[in-house]
N, C-alpha and C. Protein backbone atom coordinates (compact mmCIF):
# COMPACT_ATOMS: atom_id res chain seq x y z
N MET A 1 -13.06 -8.86 -3.76
CA MET A 1 -11.93 -8.77 -3.73
C MET A 1 -11.22 -7.48 -4.38
N LEU A 2 -10.41 -6.86 -3.91
CA LEU A 2 -10.10 -5.48 -4.30
C LEU A 2 -8.05 -5.04 -3.99
N GLN A 3 -7.99 -5.42 -5.24
CA GLN A 3 -6.27 -5.99 -5.87
C GLN A 3 -6.10 -4.57 -6.37
N THR A 4 -4.93 -3.42 -5.95
CA THR A 4 -4.41 -2.45 -6.70
C THR A 4 -2.62 -3.11 -6.21
N LEU A 5 -2.02 -2.40 -7.31
CA LEU A 5 -0.77 -2.49 -7.51
C LEU A 5 0.26 -1.13 -8.41
N LYS A 6 0.66 -1.03 -8.45
CA LYS A 6 1.41 0.26 -8.53
C LYS A 6 2.94 -0.02 -8.63
N THR A 7 3.53 0.47 -9.39
CA THR A 7 4.86 0.67 -9.88
C THR A 7 5.57 1.90 -9.43
N TYR A 8 7.07 2.07 -8.96
CA TYR A 8 7.60 3.74 -9.37
C TYR A 8 9.10 3.60 -9.93
N ALA A 9 9.51 3.56 -10.57
CA ALA A 9 10.87 3.96 -10.74
C ALA A 9 11.54 5.23 -10.81
N SER A 10 13.28 4.85 -10.94
CA SER A 10 14.00 5.74 -10.99
C SER A 10 14.85 5.56 -12.33
N PRO A 11 15.65 6.20 -12.34
CA PRO A 11 17.19 5.26 -13.39
C PRO A 11 17.53 4.85 -12.69
N ASP A 12 17.94 4.52 -10.70
CA ASP A 12 18.48 3.92 -10.27
C ASP A 12 17.40 2.53 -9.50
N SER A 13 16.66 3.14 -9.44
CA SER A 13 15.51 2.27 -8.71
C SER A 13 14.76 1.59 -8.98
N LYS A 14 13.47 0.68 -8.03
CA LYS A 14 12.29 -0.16 -9.20
C LYS A 14 12.00 -0.11 -7.72
N VAL A 15 10.44 -0.15 -7.44
CA VAL A 15 9.53 -0.73 -6.74
C VAL A 15 8.46 -0.58 -6.91
N SER A 16 7.04 -1.50 -6.11
CA SER A 16 6.39 -1.85 -6.36
C SER A 16 5.74 -2.60 -5.32
N PHE A 17 4.37 -1.53 -5.27
CA PHE A 17 3.42 -2.05 -4.26
C PHE A 17 2.09 -2.80 -4.23
N LEU A 18 1.71 -3.66 -3.88
CA LEU A 18 0.39 -4.54 -4.00
C LEU A 18 -0.78 -4.66 -2.67
N PHE A 19 -1.37 -3.86 -3.04
CA PHE A 19 -2.20 -3.77 -2.02
C PHE A 19 -3.60 -4.62 -2.29
N SER A 20 -4.01 -5.49 -1.53
CA SER A 20 -5.43 -6.55 -1.47
C SER A 20 -5.59 -5.78 -0.42
N TYR A 21 -7.19 -6.50 -0.90
CA TYR A 21 -8.60 -6.63 0.83
C TYR A 21 -9.38 -7.43 0.08
N GLU A 22 -10.15 -7.72 0.89
CA GLU A 22 -10.69 -9.00 0.78
C GLU A 22 -11.67 -9.37 2.12
N GLU A 23 -13.26 -8.98 1.50
CA GLU A 23 -14.05 -9.27 2.92
C GLU A 23 -15.09 -10.30 2.91
N LYS A 24 -14.03 -11.57 3.08
CA LYS A 24 -14.96 -12.91 3.72
C LYS A 24 -14.21 -13.72 4.92
N ASP A 25 -15.90 -14.14 5.17
CA ASP A 25 -15.29 -14.55 6.90
C ASP A 25 -14.78 -13.18 7.61
N GLY A 26 -14.89 -12.33 7.64
CA GLY A 26 -13.95 -10.93 8.15
C GLY A 26 -13.59 -10.58 7.56
N ALA A 27 -12.87 -9.15 7.00
CA ALA A 27 -11.92 -8.54 6.83
C ALA A 27 -10.60 -9.10 6.83
N SER A 28 -9.90 -8.26 5.75
CA SER A 28 -8.46 -9.05 5.43
C SER A 28 -7.74 -8.06 4.39
N SER A 29 -6.23 -7.70 5.24
CA SER A 29 -5.72 -6.48 4.24
C SER A 29 -4.67 -7.14 4.21
N THR A 30 -3.61 -7.01 3.02
CA THR A 30 -2.55 -7.15 2.82
C THR A 30 -1.74 -6.22 1.77
N LEU A 31 -0.45 -5.82 2.69
CA LEU A 31 0.23 -4.64 1.86
C LEU A 31 1.97 -5.41 1.67
N SER A 32 1.87 -5.92 0.48
CA SER A 32 3.26 -6.43 -0.11
C SER A 32 3.85 -5.10 -0.83
N VAL A 33 5.62 -5.43 -0.09
CA VAL A 33 6.09 -4.07 -1.07
C VAL A 33 7.86 -5.76 -1.93
N PHE A 34 7.52 -5.07 -3.06
CA PHE A 34 8.54 -5.46 -3.67
C PHE A 34 9.72 -4.10 -4.60
N GLY A 35 10.28 -5.06 -4.28
CA GLY A 35 12.49 -3.98 -4.46
C GLY A 35 12.92 -4.97 -5.42
N GLU A 36 14.28 -4.60 -5.42
CA GLU A 36 14.84 -5.36 -6.15
C GLU A 36 15.30 -6.50 -5.85
N ASN A 37 16.25 -7.48 -7.06
CA ASN A 37 17.63 -8.23 -6.47
C ASN A 37 15.91 -9.59 -6.25
N GLY A 38 14.32 -9.11 -6.18
CA GLY A 38 13.73 -10.04 -4.87
C GLY A 38 13.53 -9.52 -3.73
N LYS A 39 13.88 -8.94 -3.47
CA LYS A 39 13.68 -8.39 -2.32
C LYS A 39 12.25 -8.07 -1.74
N SER A 40 11.50 -8.85 -1.14
CA SER A 40 9.73 -8.19 -0.83
C SER A 40 9.59 -8.54 0.74
N ILE A 41 8.75 -7.66 1.17
CA ILE A 41 7.78 -7.75 2.58
C ILE A 41 6.63 -7.62 2.08
N THR A 42 5.55 -8.99 3.51
CA THR A 42 4.58 -8.59 3.02
C THR A 42 3.69 -8.38 4.51
N VAL A 43 2.98 -7.83 4.65
CA VAL A 43 2.01 -7.78 6.02
C VAL A 43 0.71 -7.82 5.84
N ASP A 44 0.46 -8.32 7.20
CA ASP A 44 -1.45 -8.72 7.57
C ASP A 44 -1.82 -7.75 7.64
N LEU A 45 -2.60 -6.51 8.13
CA LEU A 45 -3.17 -5.36 8.13
C LEU A 45 -3.76 -5.73 8.76
N ALA A 46 -4.17 -5.43 10.48
CA ALA A 46 -5.40 -5.57 11.34
C ALA A 46 -6.10 -4.37 10.76
N PRO A 47 -7.61 -4.35 11.36
CA PRO A 47 -8.05 -3.51 11.26
C PRO A 47 -7.94 -2.09 11.48
N GLU A 48 -6.92 -2.09 13.13
CA GLU A 48 -6.49 -0.94 13.16
C GLU A 48 -5.52 -0.67 12.34
N ASP A 49 -4.86 -1.32 11.73
CA ASP A 49 -3.31 -0.99 11.19
C ASP A 49 -4.02 -0.20 9.29
N LEU A 50 -5.07 -1.07 9.06
CA LEU A 50 -5.93 -0.50 7.53
C LEU A 50 -5.98 0.56 7.72
N LYS A 51 -6.99 0.88 9.13
CA LYS A 51 -7.18 2.31 9.06
C LYS A 51 -6.21 3.73 9.40
N ALA A 52 -5.06 3.52 10.04
CA ALA A 52 -3.96 4.08 9.92
C ALA A 52 -3.54 4.67 9.22
N LEU A 53 -3.17 3.10 8.36
CA LEU A 53 -2.36 3.16 6.85
C LEU A 53 -4.23 4.22 6.37
N SER A 54 -5.10 4.19 6.30
CA SER A 54 -5.48 5.05 5.17
C SER A 54 -6.37 6.91 5.87
N ASN A 55 -5.46 6.59 7.36
CA ASN A 55 -4.89 8.22 7.81
C ASN A 55 -4.29 8.92 7.20
N THR A 56 -2.91 8.39 7.20
CA THR A 56 -1.92 8.58 6.91
C THR A 56 -2.14 9.09 5.03
N LEU A 57 -1.98 7.94 4.73
CA LEU A 57 -2.64 7.94 2.68
C LEU A 57 -3.55 8.83 2.67
N LEU A 58 -4.49 9.55 3.37
CA LEU A 58 -5.41 10.69 3.07
C LEU A 58 -5.04 11.92 3.71
N THR A 59 -4.17 11.94 4.62
CA THR A 59 -3.42 13.39 5.05
C THR A 59 -2.56 13.71 3.77
N ALA A 60 -2.11 12.85 3.00
CA ALA A 60 -0.92 13.21 2.55
C ALA A 60 -1.26 13.46 1.55
N VAL A 61 -2.77 12.76 0.79
CA VAL A 61 -3.52 13.56 -0.35
C VAL A 61 -4.04 14.52 -0.10
N TYR A 62 -4.09 15.50 1.07
CA TYR A 62 -4.62 16.64 1.11
C TYR A 62 -4.11 17.57 1.03
N ILE A 63 -2.31 17.33 2.15
CA ILE A 63 -1.71 17.74 2.13
C ILE A 63 -0.70 18.32 0.66
N THR A 64 -0.25 17.45 -0.36
CA THR A 64 -0.53 17.61 -1.54
C THR A 64 -1.56 18.01 -2.75
N ALA A 65 -2.71 17.80 -2.69
CA ALA A 65 -3.34 18.95 -2.77
C ALA A 65 -3.29 20.22 -2.98
N ASP A 66 -3.17 20.77 -1.75
CA ASP A 66 -3.39 21.47 -1.18
C ASP A 66 -2.17 22.52 -1.74
N SER A 67 -0.96 21.92 -2.29
CA SER A 67 0.95 22.92 -2.31
C SER A 67 0.81 22.97 -3.96
N LEU A 68 -0.50 22.05 -4.76
CA LEU A 68 -1.11 22.45 -6.49
C LEU A 68 -1.25 23.33 -6.76
């Protein structure tokens, strides 16, 4: 199982992202977003959703790297 947690905070708010991936009886991925006051959302990602998310993140990385 692969799992990563990242928290971002500003003086006004705090948000955490938890991504997990497991390849057991087929691959499964889950993305959870945790906000303040116990607000959260969890999404089970189908393989095509995971691919779309991955492509979007990679594009953002390339654009960011080009601007540095």
